[in-house]
Amino acid sequence: MRSRRLTAGACAVGLGAIMLVGVAGMAAAEEQYGDGEVDVNVQIADISEPGVLAMTVASTSTTLTENGSTEVERQFTGQLPTVTITDTRSAAEIPAGAGWYVLGTASDFTGDAGQPAIGAGHLGWAPNLIDGGEAGLVSEGDVVDTVMDAEDPDAQLPFGLVDQELLAMAHGSAEILPEGQWTANAALFLRTPATVAAGGYTATLTLSLFE
């Protein structure tokens, strides 16, 4: 019996010691012995290398969802990720009379389960200039209708993004140089017959910047 009481007493002491260490640690954490500040400096040098005219796209993919379908035609809509054009060149680096432009071309839509492809002529867009600068020398391209709109008297050739179609263009690179950056996107729409095979499809829309 004596040995059991000694064992119980030892456990009680040990547990008390753990609790005391915890309290002491908390007290120490609340004490502050001084303040310190660090200045962060950076020297940004002028760009000595030649400037560049470049294009970036906000995302590498987008998804179309069904919207506005009828009994004879199915329509799927979405949005082209934002396209940004940046020009860091000096006026001396820009050829006289130069202007830049962005073109888009789509491939056919390939089915993920062997269903027949949907031709690129079924994909159209409506370009939208998000920020064209203040000079008014950047403009968006025209709406490109689809082959499903061929009977519409208001539709215009070409039908679909089967060739290089204009997203946006600058009419004078040197004149808008101080602005430095411009953005555009486009509403995308895929129009197919109502009999189109069900399933997943993928196409590639290639954007190219030229000057």
N, C-alpha and C. Protein backbone atom coordinates (compact mmCIF):
# COMPACT_ATOMS: atom_id res chain seq x y z
N MET A 1 0.84 -1.19 0.00
CA MET A 1 0.00 0.00 0.00
C MET A 1 0.87 1.24 0.00
N ARG A 2 1.99 1.21 0.72
CA ARG A 2 2.86 2.38 0.79
C ARG A 2 3.43 2.69 -0.57
N SER A 3 3.80 1.67 -1.31
CA SER A 3 4.40 1.90 -2.62
C SER A 3 3.40 2.53 -3.57
N ARG A 4 2.13 2.23 -3.47
CA ARG A 4 1.12 2.82 -4.34
C ARG A 4 0.96 4.31 -4.06
N ARG A 5 1.02 4.68 -2.74
CA ARG A 5 0.87 6.11 -2.41
C ARG A 5 2.05 6.90 -2.93
N LEU A 6 3.24 6.35 -2.90
CA LEU A 6 4.43 7.05 -3.40
C LEU A 6 4.33 7.25 -4.91
N THR A 7 3.82 6.27 -5.57
CA THR A 7 3.69 6.38 -7.02
C THR A 7 2.69 7.46 -7.38
N ALA A 8 1.57 7.51 -6.69
CA ALA A 8 0.57 8.53 -6.96
C ALA A 8 1.11 9.91 -6.68
N GLY A 9 1.88 10.08 -5.62
CA GLY A 9 2.47 11.38 -5.29
C GLY A 9 3.44 11.83 -6.36
N ALA A 10 4.21 10.92 -6.93
CA ALA A 10 5.18 11.27 -7.96
C ALA A 10 4.47 11.75 -9.19
N CYS A 11 3.36 11.16 -9.59
CA CYS A 11 2.59 11.58 -10.76
C CYS A 11 2.05 12.97 -10.56
N ALA A 12 1.57 13.28 -9.36
CA ALA A 12 1.01 14.60 -9.10
C ALA A 12 2.08 15.66 -9.22
N VAL A 13 3.26 15.44 -8.75
CA VAL A 13 4.36 16.41 -8.83
C VAL A 13 4.76 16.63 -10.28
N GLY A 14 4.84 15.54 -11.00
CA GLY A 14 5.24 15.68 -12.40
C GLY A 14 4.25 16.52 -13.20
N LEU A 15 2.98 16.32 -13.02
CA LEU A 15 1.96 17.06 -13.74
C LEU A 15 1.98 18.53 -13.37
N GLY A 16 2.22 18.82 -12.10
CA GLY A 16 2.32 20.21 -11.66
C GLY A 16 3.49 20.91 -12.32
N ALA A 17 4.61 20.22 -12.47
CA ALA A 17 5.79 20.82 -13.09
C ALA A 17 5.50 21.20 -14.53
N ILE A 18 4.76 20.36 -15.28
CA ILE A 18 4.42 20.67 -16.67
C ILE A 18 3.56 21.91 -16.74
N MET A 19 2.61 22.04 -15.84
CA MET A 19 1.73 23.20 -15.85
C MET A 19 2.49 24.47 -15.53
N LEU A 20 3.40 24.43 -14.64
CA LEU A 20 4.17 25.61 -14.26
C LEU A 20 5.06 26.07 -15.41
N VAL A 21 5.67 25.15 -16.12
CA VAL A 21 6.50 25.51 -17.26
C VAL A 21 5.66 26.21 -18.32
N GLY A 22 4.45 25.74 -18.54
CA GLY A 22 3.58 26.38 -19.52
C GLY A 22 3.24 27.79 -19.13
N VAL A 23 2.92 28.04 -17.89
CA VAL A 23 2.58 29.39 -17.43
C VAL A 23 3.77 30.31 -17.55
N ALA A 24 4.95 29.82 -17.21
CA ALA A 24 6.15 30.65 -17.29
C ALA A 24 6.44 31.02 -18.74
N GLY A 25 6.25 30.09 -19.66
CA GLY A 25 6.48 30.37 -21.08
C GLY A 25 5.55 31.45 -21.59
N MET A 26 4.29 31.46 -21.18
CA MET A 26 3.33 32.46 -21.61
C MET A 26 3.70 33.83 -21.06
N ALA A 27 4.15 33.88 -19.86
CA ALA A 27 4.54 35.16 -19.26
C ALA A 27 5.71 35.77 -20.00
N ALA A 28 6.67 34.92 -20.38
CA ALA A 28 7.85 35.42 -21.08
C ALA A 28 7.48 35.95 -22.46
N ALA A 29 6.51 35.31 -23.11
CA ALA A 29 6.13 35.72 -24.46
C ALA A 29 5.48 37.09 -24.46
N GLU A 30 4.88 37.51 -23.35
CA GLU A 30 4.19 38.78 -23.29
C GLU A 30 5.12 39.95 -23.00
N GLU A 31 6.33 39.70 -22.60
CA GLU A 31 7.27 40.78 -22.28
C GLU A 31 7.97 41.26 -23.55
N GLN A 32 8.16 42.57 -23.70
CA GLN A 32 8.83 43.17 -24.86
C GLN A 32 10.01 43.99 -24.36
N TYR A 33 11.16 43.78 -24.97
CA TYR A 33 12.38 44.40 -24.48
C TYR A 33 12.94 45.46 -25.44
N GLY A 34 12.17 45.85 -26.46
CA GLY A 34 12.66 46.88 -27.38
C GLY A 34 12.02 46.76 -28.75
N ASP A 35 12.14 47.79 -29.55
CA ASP A 35 11.61 47.82 -30.89
C ASP A 35 12.76 47.94 -31.88
N GLY A 36 12.51 47.49 -33.10
CA GLY A 36 13.51 47.63 -34.16
C GLY A 36 12.83 47.91 -35.49
N GLU A 37 13.39 48.76 -36.30
CA GLU A 37 12.84 49.08 -37.60
C GLU A 37 13.91 48.87 -38.67
N VAL A 38 13.48 48.43 -39.84
CA VAL A 38 14.40 48.17 -40.95
C VAL A 38 13.91 48.92 -42.17
N ASP A 39 14.73 49.80 -42.70
CA ASP A 39 14.40 50.47 -43.96
C ASP A 39 14.72 49.54 -45.13
N VAL A 40 13.78 49.43 -46.07
CA VAL A 40 13.96 48.60 -47.25
C VAL A 40 14.15 49.52 -48.45
N ASN A 41 15.29 49.42 -49.09
CA ASN A 41 15.63 50.30 -50.21
C ASN A 41 15.80 49.50 -51.50
N VAL A 42 15.52 50.13 -52.62
CA VAL A 42 15.76 49.51 -53.91
C VAL A 42 16.12 50.60 -54.91
N GLN A 43 17.07 50.30 -55.76
CA GLN A 43 17.46 51.21 -56.83
C GLN A 43 17.06 50.60 -58.16
N ILE A 44 16.12 51.21 -58.86
CA ILE A 44 15.65 50.69 -60.14
C ILE A 44 16.28 51.50 -61.26
N ALA A 45 17.15 50.85 -61.99
CA ALA A 45 17.89 51.55 -63.04
C ALA A 45 17.04 51.69 -64.29
N ASP A 46 17.36 52.65 -65.12
CA ASP A 46 16.72 52.79 -66.41
C ASP A 46 17.00 51.55 -67.25
N ILE A 47 16.02 51.18 -68.07
CA ILE A 47 16.21 50.03 -68.95
C ILE A 47 17.14 50.43 -70.08
N SER A 48 18.28 49.78 -70.12
CA SER A 48 19.27 50.11 -71.16
C SER A 48 19.14 49.20 -72.37
N GLU A 49 18.46 48.07 -72.20
CA GLU A 49 18.28 47.15 -73.31
C GLU A 49 17.18 47.67 -74.23
N PRO A 50 17.16 47.21 -75.47
CA PRO A 50 16.10 47.64 -76.40
C PRO A 50 14.72 47.26 -75.86
N GLY A 51 13.74 48.13 -76.07
CA GLY A 51 12.38 47.84 -75.64
C GLY A 51 11.76 46.76 -76.51
N VAL A 52 10.58 46.30 -76.11
CA VAL A 52 9.91 45.23 -76.85
C VAL A 52 8.43 45.56 -77.03
N LEU A 53 7.86 45.00 -78.07
CA LEU A 53 6.42 44.99 -78.28
C LEU A 53 5.98 43.56 -77.99
N ALA A 54 5.11 43.37 -77.01
CA ALA A 54 4.78 42.01 -76.56
C ALA A 54 3.30 41.87 -76.28
N MET A 55 2.83 40.62 -76.30
CA MET A 55 1.44 40.30 -76.02
C MET A 55 1.37 39.22 -74.94
N THR A 56 0.43 39.38 -74.00
CA THR A 56 0.16 38.35 -73.00
C THR A 56 -1.35 38.09 -72.98
N VAL A 57 -1.72 36.85 -72.61
CA VAL A 57 -3.12 36.46 -72.51
C VAL A 57 -3.38 36.01 -71.08
N ALA A 58 -4.46 36.48 -70.48
CA ALA A 58 -4.71 36.26 -69.06
C ALA A 58 -4.87 34.80 -68.68
N SER A 59 -5.32 33.95 -69.61
CA SER A 59 -5.51 32.53 -69.30
C SER A 59 -5.28 31.72 -70.56
N THR A 60 -4.95 30.46 -70.38
CA THR A 60 -4.71 29.57 -71.52
C THR A 60 -5.94 28.76 -71.91
N SER A 61 -7.07 29.01 -71.25
CA SER A 61 -8.27 28.26 -71.60
C SER A 61 -9.52 29.06 -71.25
N THR A 62 -10.62 28.71 -71.89
CA THR A 62 -11.93 29.28 -71.57
C THR A 62 -12.98 28.24 -71.91
N THR A 63 -14.14 28.35 -71.31
CA THR A 63 -15.19 27.37 -71.49
C THR A 63 -16.46 28.04 -72.00
N LEU A 64 -17.09 27.42 -73.00
CA LEU A 64 -18.35 27.91 -73.54
C LEU A 64 -19.50 27.12 -72.91
N THR A 65 -20.58 27.81 -72.61
CA THR A 65 -21.76 27.17 -72.03
C THR A 65 -22.99 27.48 -72.87
N GLU A 66 -23.95 26.59 -72.85
CA GLU A 66 -25.13 26.76 -73.70
C GLU A 66 -25.95 27.95 -73.25
N ASN A 67 -26.31 28.78 -74.25
CA ASN A 67 -27.02 30.03 -73.95
C ASN A 67 -27.68 30.52 -75.24
N GLY A 68 -29.01 30.63 -75.26
CA GLY A 68 -29.70 31.17 -76.42
C GLY A 68 -30.00 30.17 -77.51
N SER A 69 -30.03 28.88 -77.18
CA SER A 69 -30.34 27.87 -78.19
C SER A 69 -31.81 27.93 -78.60
N THR A 70 -32.11 27.45 -79.81
CA THR A 70 -33.48 27.36 -80.31
C THR A 70 -33.76 25.92 -80.72
N GLU A 71 -34.93 25.68 -81.29
CA GLU A 71 -35.29 24.33 -81.71
C GLU A 71 -34.43 23.85 -82.88
N VAL A 72 -33.89 24.78 -83.66
CA VAL A 72 -33.12 24.40 -84.84
C VAL A 72 -31.63 24.71 -84.72
N GLU A 73 -31.26 25.45 -83.70
CA GLU A 73 -29.85 25.84 -83.57
C GLU A 73 -29.45 25.87 -82.10
N ARG A 74 -28.27 25.33 -81.83
CA ARG A 74 -27.74 25.40 -80.47
C ARG A 74 -26.62 26.42 -80.43
N GLN A 75 -26.58 27.18 -79.35
CA GLN A 75 -25.56 28.23 -79.19
C GLN A 75 -24.86 28.10 -77.85
N PHE A 76 -23.55 28.26 -77.87
CA PHE A 76 -22.72 28.17 -76.68
C PHE A 76 -21.85 29.43 -76.63
N THR A 77 -21.85 30.12 -75.51
CA THR A 77 -21.15 31.40 -75.43
C THR A 77 -20.12 31.41 -74.31
N GLY A 78 -19.18 32.32 -74.42
CA GLY A 78 -18.13 32.50 -73.42
C GLY A 78 -17.33 33.75 -73.73
N GLN A 79 -16.17 33.87 -73.12
CA GLN A 79 -15.37 35.07 -73.31
C GLN A 79 -13.90 34.74 -73.50
N LEU A 80 -13.30 35.40 -74.45
CA LEU A 80 -11.85 35.29 -74.65
C LEU A 80 -11.14 35.95 -73.47
N PRO A 81 -10.17 35.27 -72.85
CA PRO A 81 -9.42 35.91 -71.76
C PRO A 81 -8.78 37.22 -72.23
N THR A 82 -8.60 38.14 -71.31
CA THR A 82 -8.07 39.46 -71.64
C THR A 82 -6.69 39.37 -72.29
N VAL A 83 -6.56 40.07 -73.41
CA VAL A 83 -5.30 40.14 -74.15
C VAL A 83 -4.67 41.51 -73.88
N THR A 84 -3.41 41.51 -73.46
CA THR A 84 -2.71 42.76 -73.14
C THR A 84 -1.54 42.95 -74.09
N ILE A 85 -1.46 44.13 -74.68
CA ILE A 85 -0.34 44.51 -75.54
C ILE A 85 0.49 45.53 -74.79
N THR A 86 1.79 45.29 -74.71
CA THR A 86 2.71 46.18 -74.01
C THR A 86 3.82 46.61 -74.96
N ASP A 87 4.13 47.89 -74.96
CA ASP A 87 5.20 48.42 -75.81
C ASP A 87 6.16 49.23 -74.95
N THR A 88 7.39 48.72 -74.78
CA THR A 88 8.40 49.40 -73.96
C THR A 88 9.50 50.02 -74.82
N ARG A 89 9.28 50.12 -76.11
CA ARG A 89 10.29 50.67 -77.01
C ARG A 89 10.36 52.18 -76.91
N SER A 90 11.46 52.72 -77.37
CA SER A 90 11.58 54.17 -77.52
C SER A 90 11.09 54.53 -78.92
N ALA A 91 10.83 55.81 -79.14
CA ALA A 91 10.34 56.25 -80.45
C ALA A 91 11.34 55.91 -81.55
N ALA A 92 12.63 55.95 -81.21
CA ALA A 92 13.66 55.67 -82.21
C ALA A 92 13.69 54.21 -82.63
N GLU A 93 13.12 53.33 -81.81
CA GLU A 93 13.12 51.90 -82.11
C GLU A 93 11.92 51.47 -82.95
N ILE A 94 10.98 52.35 -83.20
CA ILE A 94 9.77 52.02 -83.94
C ILE A 94 9.92 52.47 -85.39
N PRO A 95 9.73 51.57 -86.35
CA PRO A 95 9.82 51.95 -87.76
C PRO A 95 8.78 53.02 -88.11
N ALA A 96 9.13 53.90 -89.01
CA ALA A 96 8.23 54.97 -89.43
C ALA A 96 6.93 54.39 -89.99
N GLY A 97 5.81 54.92 -89.54
CA GLY A 97 4.51 54.49 -90.04
C GLY A 97 4.04 53.14 -89.54
N ALA A 98 4.74 52.55 -88.58
CA ALA A 98 4.38 51.21 -88.10
C ALA A 98 3.13 51.25 -87.22
N GLY A 99 2.39 50.17 -87.25
CA GLY A 99 1.25 49.97 -86.37
C GLY A 99 1.12 48.49 -86.07
N TRP A 100 0.63 48.14 -84.89
CA TRP A 100 0.51 46.72 -84.54
C TRP A 100 -0.94 46.25 -84.66
N TYR A 101 -1.11 44.93 -84.76
CA TYR A 101 -2.45 44.35 -84.83
C TYR A 101 -2.40 42.92 -84.31
N VAL A 102 -3.52 42.48 -83.73
CA VAL A 102 -3.66 41.14 -83.16
C VAL A 102 -4.71 40.39 -83.96
N LEU A 103 -4.35 39.20 -84.45
CA LEU A 103 -5.24 38.37 -85.24
C LEU A 103 -5.52 37.05 -84.53
N GLY A 104 -6.69 36.49 -84.78
CA GLY A 104 -7.06 35.22 -84.16
C GLY A 104 -7.55 34.21 -85.18
N THR A 105 -7.15 32.96 -85.01
CA THR A 105 -7.56 31.86 -85.89
C THR A 105 -7.89 30.65 -85.03
N ALA A 106 -8.98 29.97 -85.32
CA ALA A 106 -9.40 28.80 -84.54
C ALA A 106 -9.24 27.52 -85.34
N SER A 107 -8.96 26.45 -84.63
CA SER A 107 -8.96 25.12 -85.24
C SER A 107 -10.37 24.55 -85.16
N ASP A 108 -10.59 23.41 -85.79
CA ASP A 108 -11.87 22.71 -85.64
C ASP A 108 -12.01 22.20 -84.20
N PHE A 109 -13.25 22.00 -83.76
CA PHE A 109 -13.52 21.42 -82.45
C PHE A 109 -13.48 19.89 -82.58
N THR A 110 -12.61 19.26 -81.83
CA THR A 110 -12.45 17.80 -81.86
C THR A 110 -13.21 17.16 -80.71
N GLY A 111 -14.00 16.13 -80.98
CA GLY A 111 -14.76 15.45 -79.94
C GLY A 111 -13.88 14.57 -79.08
N ASP A 112 -14.22 14.44 -77.81
CA ASP A 112 -13.42 13.64 -76.88
C ASP A 112 -13.79 12.15 -76.90
N ALA A 113 -14.82 11.80 -77.68
CA ALA A 113 -15.23 10.40 -77.74
C ALA A 113 -15.43 9.95 -79.18
N GLY A 114 -14.73 10.60 -80.08
CA GLY A 114 -14.81 10.21 -81.48
C GLY A 114 -15.98 10.78 -82.24
N GLN A 115 -16.76 11.66 -81.65
CA GLN A 115 -17.87 12.27 -82.37
C GLN A 115 -17.34 13.19 -83.48
N PRO A 116 -18.12 13.41 -84.52
CA PRO A 116 -17.66 14.24 -85.64
C PRO A 116 -17.20 15.62 -85.18
N ALA A 117 -16.17 16.13 -85.83
CA ALA A 117 -15.64 17.44 -85.47
C ALA A 117 -16.62 18.53 -85.85
N ILE A 118 -16.52 19.65 -85.13
CA ILE A 118 -17.30 20.85 -85.45
C ILE A 118 -16.33 21.84 -86.08
N GLY A 119 -16.59 22.23 -87.31
CA GLY A 119 -15.68 23.11 -88.04
C GLY A 119 -15.49 24.47 -87.40
N ALA A 120 -14.33 25.07 -87.61
CA ALA A 120 -14.03 26.39 -87.05
C ALA A 120 -14.99 27.45 -87.56
N GLY A 121 -15.63 27.19 -88.69
CA GLY A 121 -16.59 28.14 -89.22
C GLY A 121 -17.79 28.35 -88.32
N HIS A 122 -17.99 27.46 -87.35
CA HIS A 122 -19.11 27.58 -86.41
C HIS A 122 -18.77 28.48 -85.22
N LEU A 123 -17.50 28.91 -85.09
CA LEU A 123 -17.09 29.76 -83.97
C LEU A 123 -16.90 31.20 -84.44
N GLY A 124 -17.60 32.12 -83.79
CA GLY A 124 -17.46 33.53 -84.10
C GLY A 124 -17.08 34.33 -82.87
N TRP A 125 -16.83 35.63 -83.06
CA TRP A 125 -16.51 36.48 -81.91
C TRP A 125 -16.94 37.91 -82.15
N ALA A 126 -17.05 38.65 -81.05
CA ALA A 126 -17.34 40.08 -81.08
C ALA A 126 -16.25 40.76 -80.26
N PRO A 127 -15.21 41.30 -80.90
CA PRO A 127 -14.10 41.93 -80.18
C PRO A 127 -14.56 43.10 -79.32
N ASN A 128 -13.87 43.30 -78.21
CA ASN A 128 -14.20 44.37 -77.27
C ASN A 128 -12.91 45.02 -76.77
N LEU A 129 -12.78 46.32 -77.02
CA LEU A 129 -11.61 47.07 -76.56
C LEU A 129 -11.85 47.49 -75.11
N ILE A 130 -11.06 46.94 -74.19
CA ILE A 130 -11.22 47.27 -72.77
C ILE A 130 -10.56 48.59 -72.46
N ASP A 131 -9.30 48.75 -72.84
CA ASP A 131 -8.56 49.99 -72.62
C ASP A 131 -7.72 50.27 -73.86
N GLY A 132 -8.18 51.22 -74.66
CA GLY A 132 -7.48 51.58 -75.88
C GLY A 132 -6.65 52.83 -75.75
N GLY A 133 -6.48 53.34 -74.52
CA GLY A 133 -5.72 54.57 -74.33
C GLY A 133 -6.54 55.81 -74.65
N GLU A 134 -5.93 56.96 -74.45
CA GLU A 134 -6.64 58.22 -74.62
C GLU A 134 -6.49 58.83 -76.00
N ALA A 135 -5.53 58.36 -76.78
CA ALA A 135 -5.29 58.96 -78.09
C ALA A 135 -6.35 58.58 -79.11
N GLY A 136 -7.07 57.50 -78.87
CA GLY A 136 -8.10 57.08 -79.80
C GLY A 136 -7.56 56.42 -81.06
N LEU A 137 -6.33 55.93 -81.00
CA LEU A 137 -5.69 55.33 -82.17
C LEU A 137 -5.66 53.81 -82.12
N VAL A 138 -6.29 53.23 -81.10
CA VAL A 138 -6.42 51.78 -81.01
C VAL A 138 -7.89 51.42 -81.19
N SER A 139 -8.17 50.46 -82.03
CA SER A 139 -9.57 50.09 -82.29
C SER A 139 -9.74 48.58 -82.26
N GLU A 140 -10.97 48.14 -82.05
CA GLU A 140 -11.29 46.71 -82.03
C GLU A 140 -11.68 46.24 -83.41
N GLY A 141 -11.61 44.94 -83.64
CA GLY A 141 -12.00 44.37 -84.91
C GLY A 141 -13.51 44.24 -85.05
N ASP A 142 -13.96 43.82 -86.21
CA ASP A 142 -15.38 43.66 -86.47
C ASP A 142 -15.89 42.33 -85.91
N VAL A 143 -17.20 42.25 -85.74
CA VAL A 143 -17.84 40.99 -85.34
C VAL A 143 -17.67 39.98 -86.47
N VAL A 144 -17.32 38.76 -86.11
CA VAL A 144 -17.21 37.67 -87.09
C VAL A 144 -18.36 36.70 -86.84
N ASP A 145 -19.28 36.60 -87.79
CA ASP A 145 -20.42 35.68 -87.67
C ASP A 145 -19.99 34.26 -88.02
N THR A 146 -20.93 33.32 -87.91
CA THR A 146 -20.63 31.91 -88.16
C THR A 146 -21.34 31.41 -89.42
N VAL A 147 -21.01 30.21 -89.82
CA VAL A 147 -21.67 29.62 -90.99
C VAL A 147 -23.15 29.42 -90.76
N MET A 148 -23.57 29.39 -89.51
CA MET A 148 -24.99 29.26 -89.20
C MET A 148 -25.75 30.55 -89.48
N ASP A 149 -25.02 31.64 -89.70
CA ASP A 149 -25.64 32.93 -89.97
C ASP A 149 -25.66 33.28 -91.45
N ALA A 150 -25.31 32.33 -92.29
CA ALA A 150 -25.17 32.59 -93.73
C ALA A 150 -26.46 33.11 -94.36
N GLU A 151 -27.61 32.71 -93.83
CA GLU A 151 -28.88 33.15 -94.39
C GLU A 151 -29.33 34.50 -93.85
N ASP A 152 -28.62 35.02 -92.87
CA ASP A 152 -28.97 36.31 -92.28
C ASP A 152 -28.50 37.42 -93.21
N PRO A 153 -29.39 38.29 -93.69
CA PRO A 153 -28.98 39.35 -94.62
C PRO A 153 -28.02 40.36 -94.00
N ASP A 154 -28.00 40.43 -92.67
CA ASP A 154 -27.09 41.37 -92.01
C ASP A 154 -25.72 40.76 -91.73
N ALA A 155 -25.59 39.46 -91.90
CA ALA A 155 -24.30 38.80 -91.65
C ALA A 155 -23.35 39.09 -92.80
N GLN A 156 -22.06 39.12 -92.47
CA GLN A 156 -21.05 39.44 -93.47
C GLN A 156 -19.96 38.37 -93.50
N LEU A 157 -19.42 38.14 -94.67
CA LEU A 157 -18.26 37.27 -94.80
C LEU A 157 -17.05 37.96 -94.18
N PRO A 158 -16.06 37.18 -93.70
CA PRO A 158 -16.03 35.71 -93.67
C PRO A 158 -16.85 35.16 -92.52
N PHE A 159 -17.20 33.87 -92.60
CA PHE A 159 -17.96 33.23 -91.55
C PHE A 159 -17.02 32.35 -90.72
N GLY A 160 -16.95 32.64 -89.41
CA GLY A 160 -16.14 31.84 -88.50
C GLY A 160 -14.69 32.28 -88.46
N LEU A 161 -14.01 31.85 -87.41
CA LEU A 161 -12.60 32.20 -87.23
C LEU A 161 -11.71 31.21 -87.96
N VAL A 162 -11.99 31.03 -89.24
CA VAL A 162 -11.24 30.06 -90.03
C VAL A 162 -9.94 30.64 -90.58
N ASP A 163 -9.85 31.95 -90.61
CA ASP A 163 -8.65 32.62 -91.09
C ASP A 163 -8.22 33.61 -90.03
N GLN A 164 -7.22 34.39 -90.30
CA GLN A 164 -6.75 35.37 -89.32
C GLN A 164 -7.71 36.55 -89.28
N GLU A 165 -8.46 36.65 -88.17
CA GLU A 165 -9.45 37.71 -88.01
C GLU A 165 -8.97 38.72 -86.97
N LEU A 166 -9.29 39.99 -87.19
CA LEU A 166 -8.76 41.07 -86.37
C LEU A 166 -9.44 41.17 -85.01
N LEU A 167 -8.62 41.15 -83.95
CA LEU A 167 -9.12 41.40 -82.60
C LEU A 167 -8.99 42.88 -82.26
N ALA A 168 -7.80 43.45 -82.48
CA ALA A 168 -7.56 44.87 -82.19
C ALA A 168 -6.34 45.33 -82.97
N MET A 169 -6.26 46.65 -83.18
CA MET A 169 -5.12 47.19 -83.92
C MET A 169 -4.82 48.61 -83.47
N ALA A 170 -3.55 48.99 -83.63
CA ALA A 170 -3.10 50.36 -83.37
C ALA A 170 -2.74 50.99 -84.70
N HIS A 171 -3.23 52.19 -84.93
CA HIS A 171 -3.03 52.84 -86.21
C HIS A 171 -1.69 53.58 -86.29
N GLY A 172 -1.00 53.70 -85.19
CA GLY A 172 0.31 54.34 -85.20
C GLY A 172 1.06 54.02 -83.92
N SER A 173 2.03 53.11 -83.99
CA SER A 173 2.75 52.67 -82.79
C SER A 173 3.47 53.83 -82.11
N ALA A 174 4.13 54.68 -82.89
CA ALA A 174 4.91 55.78 -82.31
C ALA A 174 4.00 56.81 -81.64
N GLU A 175 2.83 57.05 -82.23
CA GLU A 175 1.94 58.08 -81.71
C GLU A 175 1.34 57.70 -80.35
N ILE A 176 1.15 56.42 -80.09
CA ILE A 176 0.53 55.99 -78.83
C ILE A 176 1.57 55.46 -77.83
N LEU A 177 2.84 55.61 -78.17
CA LEU A 177 3.90 55.03 -77.34
C LEU A 177 3.83 55.44 -75.87
N PRO A 178 3.56 56.72 -75.53
CA PRO A 178 3.53 57.08 -74.11
C PRO A 178 2.50 56.30 -73.29
N GLU A 179 1.46 55.78 -73.93
CA GLU A 179 0.44 55.03 -73.19
C GLU A 179 0.98 53.70 -72.71
N GLY A 180 1.76 53.03 -73.52
CA GLY A 180 2.50 51.84 -73.10
C GLY A 180 1.79 50.52 -73.04
N GLN A 181 0.46 50.51 -72.79
CA GLN A 181 -0.24 49.23 -72.62
C GLN A 181 -1.71 49.38 -72.98
N TRP A 182 -2.26 48.31 -73.61
CA TRP A 182 -3.64 48.31 -74.06
C TRP A 182 -4.24 46.91 -73.86
N THR A 183 -5.55 46.84 -73.65
CA THR A 183 -6.18 45.55 -73.38
C THR A 183 -7.46 45.38 -74.21
N ALA A 184 -7.75 44.13 -74.55
CA ALA A 184 -8.96 43.80 -75.29
C ALA A 184 -9.36 42.36 -74.97
N ASN A 185 -10.62 42.04 -75.20
CA ASN A 185 -11.08 40.66 -75.14
C ASN A 185 -12.15 40.49 -76.23
N ALA A 186 -12.94 39.44 -76.16
CA ALA A 186 -13.98 39.23 -77.16
C ALA A 186 -15.03 38.29 -76.60
N ALA A 187 -16.28 38.53 -76.98
CA ALA A 187 -17.35 37.57 -76.70
C ALA A 187 -17.24 36.46 -77.73
N LEU A 188 -17.23 35.22 -77.28
CA LEU A 188 -17.13 34.06 -78.18
C LEU A 188 -18.50 33.38 -78.28
N PHE A 189 -18.84 32.88 -79.47
CA PHE A 189 -20.09 32.15 -79.62
C PHE A 189 -19.91 31.03 -80.65
N LEU A 190 -20.34 29.85 -80.24
CA LEU A 190 -20.32 28.66 -81.09
C LEU A 190 -21.75 28.33 -81.45
N ARG A 191 -22.05 28.26 -82.74
CA ARG A 191 -23.41 27.97 -83.21
C ARG A 191 -23.39 26.72 -84.06
N THR A 192 -24.26 25.76 -83.71
CA THR A 192 -24.28 24.47 -84.40
C THR A 192 -25.73 24.08 -84.71
N PRO A 193 -25.93 23.11 -85.61
CA PRO A 193 -27.28 22.57 -85.78
C PRO A 193 -27.76 21.91 -84.50
N ALA A 194 -29.07 21.81 -84.36
CA ALA A 194 -29.64 21.17 -83.17
C ALA A 194 -29.28 19.69 -83.10
N THR A 195 -28.88 19.11 -84.23
CA THR A 195 -28.56 17.68 -84.30
C THR A 195 -27.10 17.39 -83.94
N VAL A 196 -26.36 18.37 -83.47
CA VAL A 196 -24.95 18.14 -83.14
C VAL A 196 -24.82 17.03 -82.11
N ALA A 197 -23.80 16.18 -82.28
CA ALA A 197 -23.60 15.06 -81.35
C ALA A 197 -23.20 15.56 -79.96
N ALA A 198 -23.78 14.95 -78.95
CA ALA A 198 -23.44 15.32 -77.57
C ALA A 198 -22.02 14.88 -77.24
N GLY A 199 -21.42 15.56 -76.27
CA GLY A 199 -20.08 15.20 -75.83
C GLY A 199 -19.20 16.43 -75.64
N GLY A 200 -18.00 16.19 -75.17
CA GLY A 200 -17.04 17.28 -74.98
C GLY A 200 -16.24 17.54 -76.24
N TYR A 201 -15.94 18.81 -76.49
CA TYR A 201 -15.18 19.21 -77.66
C TYR A 201 -14.10 20.22 -77.25
N THR A 202 -13.00 20.21 -77.98
CA THR A 202 -11.92 21.14 -77.72
C THR A 202 -11.38 21.70 -79.03
N ALA A 203 -11.15 23.01 -79.05
CA ALA A 203 -10.51 23.68 -80.18
C ALA A 203 -9.41 24.58 -79.65
N THR A 204 -8.51 24.97 -80.52
CA THR A 204 -7.44 25.89 -80.14
C THR A 204 -7.63 27.20 -80.90
N LEU A 205 -7.67 28.30 -80.15
CA LEU A 205 -7.76 29.63 -80.74
C LEU A 205 -6.38 30.27 -80.62
N THR A 206 -5.74 30.49 -81.75
CA THR A 206 -4.38 31.04 -81.77
C THR A 206 -4.42 32.53 -82.00
N LEU A 207 -3.80 33.30 -81.11
CA LEU A 207 -3.70 34.74 -81.22
C LEU A 207 -2.29 35.12 -81.61
N SER A 208 -2.16 36.04 -82.55
CA SER A 208 -0.83 36.44 -83.04
C SER A 208 -0.74 37.96 -83.11
N LEU A 209 0.40 38.48 -82.67
CA LEU A 209 0.67 39.92 -82.68
C LEU A 209 1.65 40.22 -83.82
N PHE A 210 1.28 41.18 -84.66
CA PHE A 210 2.13 41.59 -85.78
C PHE A 210 2.32 43.10 -85.75
N GLU A 211 3.37 43.54 -86.42
CA GLU A 211 3.56 44.98 -86.66
C GLU A 211 4.11 45.17 -88.06
